Amino acid sequence: MQDIYNIIMVSICIIGSAIVCLLLVQGATVTEGSSERISRDPSSTLKTLCPNLNRVTNVNSYRYNEHDRSCYTINSQGPCGKNMLFYSKDEVNGYCDCNKDSQRILIHHAATKQCYFIFQKGYCKQRQWLDVTREGKPICTTNPCFKTKRTTEFVLVKGNCTELGKSYPSCQSNEKIEFKAGSRLPKCTSSEPASDFGVFSIGVPASPCPVGSVNALGGLCQPPFDFD
């Protein structure tokens, strides 16, 4: 049966492209122009897409990036921009997104293919900083803490411009003003290791989707976060 299947596939290849032909004979289903690939053996598909992986033992730690047709280690920067990592989309494909381990909200900017921290200038005009609305939409607003010769970072805490990483009158002795995952605003945060914050979209099944990420801005999820 396999021989008959291969003969049929080779016949199809006469009018198809070389890469599609090779993947069909390998037993992979490829939708041309789509990033989705379903394979009986993901490792074989990855090696077909990226021949250099034939010399790699841990092939499953790599994913294919269709934009430059190369394979990269997942959770590495790979081909991604500043403050971004290369994540696994499925058993074969990967994609770039804002660093999901960041304690501070990162906002993706498609034009520069980078992610920028909230309450920094980012891609905004002079004397402005990045913020998000309650719906998670990025906006540029006036930076009330802007000073031309300031070398340290200041953020707004209860209406006052306060140096990030420093103590604040309402903080406990072991707390400093820092950002915490899942929250928009900096708060009094202890130096103890923060517990993991599960950032998931609303609905079933849930999928990782921090506010400001590629998926969130693309309307693929509704990430929950503390606005105030």
Foldseek 3Di string as FASTA:
>chain_A
DLVVQLVVLVVVCVPPDPLCSVCVNQAKDDDPPDQDIDHPDLLVNQCSQEVVCVPPDPSQQWAAEPVVSHIDGFQDCPPADEQWTWHDPDSHHIDIKHDLPDLFDWAADVVVRYTDGFLDCPVHDPQWTWAADQQLHIDIDGNPPDDDPDPFDWDADPNDTDTFPACDPVADPQWTFDGGHQEHGTDTDGPPDDDDDQWWFPDPPTDHDGRNMPCSVVVNGRTHGHHD
